[in-house]
PDB file of N, CA and C in Angstrom:
ATOM      1  N   UNK A   1      70.772  97.334  59.770  1.00  0.00           N
ATOM      2  CA  UNK A   1      72.249  98.526  59.568  1.00  0.00           C
ATOM      3  C   UNK A   1      72.557  99.673  60.407  1.00  0.00           C
ATOM      4  N   UNK A   2      71.953 100.515  61.080  1.00  0.00           N
ATOM      5  CA  UNK A   2      70.789 101.637  61.172  1.00  0.00           C
ATOM      6  C   UNK A   2      71.584 101.598  62.765  1.00  0.00           C
ATOM      7  N   UNK A   3      71.287 100.265  63.477  1.00  0.00           N
ATOM      8  CA  UNK A   3      71.499 100.714  64.566  1.00  0.00           C
ATOM      9  C   UNK A   3      72.373 100.410  65.172  1.00  0.00           C
ATOM     10  N   UNK A   4      73.069 100.056  64.340  1.00  0.00           N
ATOM     11  CA  UNK A   4      74.768  99.212  64.560  1.00  0.00           C
ATOM     12  C   UNK A   4      75.979 100.880  64.573  1.00  0.00           C
ATOM     13  N   UNK A   5      75.361 101.205  62.705  1.00  0.00           N
ATOM     14  CA  UNK A   5      75.244 102.743  63.755  1.00  0.00           C
ATOM     15  C   UNK A   5      75.339 103.780  64.063  1.00  0.00           C
ATOM     16  N   UNK A   6      74.210 103.752  64.918  1.00  0.00           N
ATOM     17  CA  UNK A   6      73.633 104.683  66.063  1.00  0.00           C
ATOM     18  C   UNK A   6      74.267 103.849  66.903  1.00  0.00           C
ATOM     19  N   UNK A   7      74.695 103.237  66.842  1.00  0.00           N
ATOM     20  CA  UNK A   7      75.276 102.882  68.570  1.00  0.00           C
ATOM     21  C   UNK A   7      76.499 102.749  68.549  1.00  0.00           C
ATOM     22  N   UNK A   8      77.591 103.025  67.596  1.00  0.00           N
ATOM     23  CA  UNK A   8      78.910 103.383  67.089  1.00  0.00           C
ATOM     24  C   UNK A   8      78.809 104.552  66.681  1.00  0.00           C
ATOM     25  N   UNK A   9      77.896 105.659  66.954  1.00  0.00           N
ATOM     26  CA  UNK A   9      77.870 107.096  67.209  1.00  0.00           C
ATOM     27  C   UNK A   9      77.641 108.115  68.212  1.00  0.00           C
ATOM     28  N   UNK A  10      76.858 107.144  68.503  1.00  0.00           N
ATOM     29  CA  UNK A  10      76.119 107.442  70.576  1.00  0.00           C
ATOM     30  C   UNK A  10      77.926 106.712  71.369  1.00  0.00           C
ATOM     31  N   UNK A  11      78.125 105.651  71.173  1.00  0.00           N
ATOM     32  CA  UNK A  11      79.864 105.301  72.260  1.00  0.00           C
ATOM     33  C   UNK A  11      81.114 105.819  71.552  1.00  0.00           C
ATOM     34  N   UNK A  12      80.975 106.718  70.125  1.00  0.00           N
ATOM     35  CA  UNK A  12      81.992 107.578  69.858  1.00  0.00           C
ATOM     36  C   UNK A  12      81.906 109.128  70.906  1.00  0.00           C
ATOM     37  N   UNK A  13      80.845 109.426  70.286  1.00  0.00           N
ATOM     38  CA  UNK A  13      80.233 110.127  71.207  1.00  0.00           C
ATOM     39  C   UNK A  13      80.699 110.618  73.098  1.00  0.00           C
ATOM     40  N   UNK A  14      80.437 109.387  73.647  1.00  0.00           N
ATOM     41  CA  UNK A  14      80.263 109.403  74.811  1.00  0.00           C
ATOM     42  C   UNK A  14      81.744 109.582  75.212  1.00  0.00           C
ATOM     43  N   UNK A  15      82.858 108.254  74.270  1.00  0.00           N
ATOM     44  CA  UNK A  15      84.389 108.200  74.601  1.00  0.00           C
ATOM     45  C   UNK A  15      85.265 109.681  74.901  1.00  0.00           C
ATOM     46  N   UNK A  16      84.320 110.786  73.446  1.00  0.00           N
ATOM     47  CA  UNK A  16      84.888 111.809  73.643  1.00  0.00           C
ATOM     48  C   UNK A  16      84.649 112.823  74.563  1.00  0.00           C
ATOM     49  N   UNK A  17      84.070 112.219  74.986  1.00  0.00           N
ATOM     50  CA  UNK A  17      82.956 112.673  76.517  1.00  0.00           C
ATOM     51  C   UNK A  17      84.021 113.001  77.630  1.00  0.00           C
ATOM     52  N   UNK A  18      84.430 111.725  77.596  1.00  0.00           N
ATOM     53  CA  UNK A  18      85.196 110.835  78.912  1.00  0.00           C
ATOM     54  C   UNK A  18      86.683 111.130  78.536  1.00  0.00           C
ATOM     55  N   UNK A  19      86.642 111.665  77.220  1.00  0.00           N
ATOM     56  CA  UNK A  19      88.453 112.046  76.929  1.00  0.00           C
ATOM     57  C   UNK A  19      88.544 113.823  77.613  1.00  0.00           C
ATOM     58  N   UNK A  20      87.246 114.219  77.068  1.00  0.00           N
ATOM     59  CA  UNK A  20      87.060 116.190  76.954  1.00  0.00           C
ATOM     60  C   UNK A  20      86.796 115.745  78.660  1.00  0.00           C
ATOM     61  N   UNK A  21      86.776 114.889  79.759  1.00  0.00           N
ATOM     62  CA  UNK A  21      86.601 115.105  80.755  1.00  0.00           C
ATOM     63  C   UNK A  21      88.709 115.031  81.596  1.00  0.00           C
ATOM     64  N   UNK A  22      88.488 114.159  80.882  1.00  0.00           N
ATOM     65  CA  UNK A  22      90.922 113.295  81.653  1.00  0.00           C
ATOM     66  C   UNK A  22      91.043 114.761  80.597  1.00  0.00           C
ATOM     67  N   UNK A  23      91.054 114.970  80.408  1.00  0.00           N
ATOM     68  CA  UNK A  23      92.128 116.573  79.129  1.00  0.00           C
ATOM     69  C   UNK A  23      90.997 118.123  80.201  1.00  0.00           C
ATOM     70  N   UNK A  24      90.023 117.987  80.681  1.00  0.00           N
ATOM     71  CA  UNK A  24      89.883 118.831  81.196  1.00  0.00           C
ATOM     72  C   UNK A  24      90.756 118.603  82.811  1.00  0.00           C
ATOM     73  N   UNK A  25      90.379 117.559  83.177  1.00  0.00           N
ATOM     74  CA  UNK A  25      91.892 117.507  84.369  1.00  0.00           C
ATOM     75  C   UNK A  25      92.245 117.580  84.999  1.00  0.00           C
ATOM     76  N   UNK A  26      92.720 117.459  83.676  1.00  0.00           N
ATOM     77  CA  UNK A  26      94.294 118.231  83.732  1.00  0.00           C
ATOM     78  C   UNK A  26      95.027 119.023  84.001  1.00  0.00           C
ATOM     79  N   UNK A  27      93.930 119.680  82.708  1.00  0.00           N
ATOM     80  CA  UNK A  27      94.677 121.254  82.716  1.00  0.00           C
ATOM     81  C   UNK A  27      94.347 121.789  83.214  1.00  0.00           C
ATOM     82  N   UNK A  28      93.414 121.445  85.018  1.00  0.00           N
ATOM     83  CA  UNK A  28      92.725 122.080  85.236  1.00  0.00           C
ATOM     84  C   UNK A  28      93.404 121.870  86.895  1.00  0.00           C
ATOM     85  N   UNK A  29      94.681 120.809  87.087  1.00  0.00           N
ATOM     86  CA  UNK A  29      95.391 120.517  88.680  1.00  0.00           C
ATOM     87  C   UNK A  29      94.392 119.562  88.738  1.00  0.00           C
ATOM     88  N   UNK A  30      93.259 118.732  88.120  1.00  0.00           N
ATOM     89  CA  UNK A  30      92.657 118.268  89.543  1.00  0.00           C
ATOM     90  C   UNK A  30      93.717 116.641  90.172  1.00  0.00           C
ATOM     91  N   UNK A  31      95.365 116.852  88.883  1.00  0.00           N
ATOM     92  CA  UNK A  31      95.694 115.126  89.698  1.00  0.00           C
ATOM     93  C   UNK A  31      96.777 115.855  90.378  1.00  0.00           C
ATOM     94  N   UNK A  32      97.009 117.015  90.873  1.00  0.00           N
ATOM     95  CA  UNK A  32      97.984 117.463  91.890  1.00  0.00           C
ATOM     96  C   UNK A  32      97.703 117.178  93.371  1.00  0.00           C
ATOM     97  N   UNK A  33      98.709 116.598  93.155  1.00  0.00           N
ATOM     98  CA  UNK A  33      98.563 116.696  95.629  1.00  0.00           C
ATOM     99  C   UNK A  33      99.376 117.194  96.030  1.00  0.00           C
ATOM    100  N   UNK A  34      99.160 117.992  96.564  1.00  0.00           N
ATOM    101  CA  UNK A  34      99.606 119.433  97.486  1.00  0.00           C
ATOM    102  C   UNK A  34     100.609 118.141  99.433  1.00  0.00           C
ATOM    103  N   UNK A  35      98.486 117.602  99.218  1.00  0.00           N
ATOM    104  CA  UNK A  35      98.865 117.011 100.806  1.00  0.00           C
ATOM    105  C   UNK A  35      99.532 116.295 101.370  1.00  0.00           C
ATOM    106  N   UNK A  36     100.286 114.719 100.513  1.00  0.00           N
ATOM    107  CA  UNK A  36     100.843 113.678 100.638  1.00  0.00           C
ATOM    108  C   UNK A  36     102.096 113.649 100.963  1.00  0.00           C
ATOM    109  N   UNK A  37     101.982 114.788  99.854  1.00  0.00           N
ATOM    110  CA  UNK A  37     104.049 114.855 100.511  1.00  0.00           C
ATOM    111  C   UNK A  37     103.744 115.028 101.572  1.00  0.00           C
ATOM    112  N   UNK A  38     103.670 115.979 102.307  1.00  0.00           N
ATOM    113  CA  UNK A  38     103.361 116.240 103.555  1.00  0.00           C
ATOM    114  C   UNK A  38     103.479 115.514 104.312  1.00  0.00           C
ATOM    115  N   UNK A  39     102.576 114.622 104.955  1.00  0.00           N
ATOM    116  CA  UNK A  39     102.672 113.410 104.981  1.00  0.00           C
ATOM    117  C   UNK A  39     103.584 111.915 105.190  1.00  0.00           C
ATOM    118  N   UNK A  40     103.937 112.175 104.507  1.00  0.00           N
ATOM    119  CA  UNK A  40     104.073 111.070 103.991  1.00  0.00           C
ATOM    120  C   UNK A  40     104.991 110.189 105.647  1.00  0.00           C
ATOM    121  N   UNK A  41     105.959 111.637 105.688  1.00  0.00           N
ATOM    122  CA  UNK A  41     107.600 111.364 106.920  1.00  0.00           C
ATOM    123  C   UNK A  41     106.589 110.976 108.449  1.00  0.00           C
ATOM    124  N   UNK A  42     105.607 110.398 108.462  1.00  0.00           N
ATOM    125  CA  UNK A  42     104.835 111.012 109.812  1.00  0.00           C
ATOM    126  C   UNK A  42     104.601 108.848 109.204  1.00  0.00           C
ATOM    127  N   UNK A  43     104.751 108.252 107.875  1.00  0.00           N
ATOM    128  CA  UNK A  43     104.634 106.913 108.043  1.00  0.00           C
ATOM    129  C   UNK A  43     105.396 106.225 107.968  1.00  0.00           C
ATOM    130  N   UNK A  44     105.845 105.065 109.045  1.00  0.00           N
ATOM    131  CA  UNK A  44     106.523 104.126 108.515  1.00  0.00           C
ATOM    132  C   UNK A  44     106.892 103.166 107.121  1.00  0.00           C
ATOM    133  N   UNK A  45     108.029 102.962 107.350  1.00  0.00           N
ATOM    134  CA  UNK A  45     109.150 102.188 106.291  1.00  0.00           C
ATOM    135  C   UNK A  45     107.682 100.789 106.763  1.00  0.00           C
ATOM    136  N   UNK A  46     107.006  99.821 106.623  1.00  0.00           N
ATOM    137  CA  UNK A  46     106.848  98.888 107.513  1.00  0.00           C
ATOM    138  C   UNK A  46     108.537  97.798 106.037  1.00  0.00           C
ATOM    139  N   UNK A  47     109.197  97.712 105.157  1.00  0.00           N
ATOM    140  CA  UNK A  47     110.269  97.440 104.890  1.00  0.00           C
ATOM    141  C   UNK A  47     111.515  96.690 105.947  1.00  0.00           C
ATOM    142  N   UNK A  48     111.187  98.417 106.626  1.00  0.00           N
ATOM    143  CA  UNK A  48     112.114  98.164 108.006  1.00  0.00           C
ATOM    144  C   UNK A  48     111.520  97.579 108.308  1.00  0.00           C
ATOM    145  N   UNK A  49     110.659  96.771 109.269  1.00  0.00           N
ATOM    146  CA  UNK A  49     110.438  96.389 110.550  1.00  0.00           C
ATOM    147  C   UNK A  49     110.801  95.321 109.940  1.00  0.00           C
ATOM    148  N   UNK A  50     110.026  94.529 108.437  1.00  0.00           N
ATOM    149  CA  UNK A  50     109.864  93.299 108.786  1.00  0.00           C
ATOM    150  C   UNK A  50     111.601  92.730 108.307  1.00  0.00           C
ATOM    151  N   UNK A  51     112.585  93.312 108.410  1.00  0.00           N
ATOM    152  CA  UNK A  51     114.217  92.912 108.026  1.00  0.00           C
ATOM    153  C   UNK A  51     114.628  92.959 109.317  1.00  0.00           C
ATOM    154  N   UNK A  52     115.376  92.121 109.800  1.00  0.00           N
ATOM    155  CA  UNK A  52     115.997  91.805 111.239  1.00  0.00           C
ATOM    156  C   UNK A  52     117.555  91.450 110.245  1.00  0.00           C
ATOM    157  N   UNK A  53     118.165  92.967 111.544  1.00  0.00           N
ATOM    158  CA  UNK A  53     119.099  92.795 111.102  1.00  0.00           C
ATOM    159  C   UNK A  53     120.533  91.501 111.711  1.00  0.00           C
TER     160      UNK A  53
END
């Protein structure tokens, strides 16, 4: 039974570590993408090529 409690505690510590890393990434603007919007205009639309008038 003590092994089960140990596994629960260890898994909670790991989960909190991942949650902390996710919150840190959000707060330090790791998910802001400044590059893609500037180059999206260079790509062709695949839908317009597939449609025939």
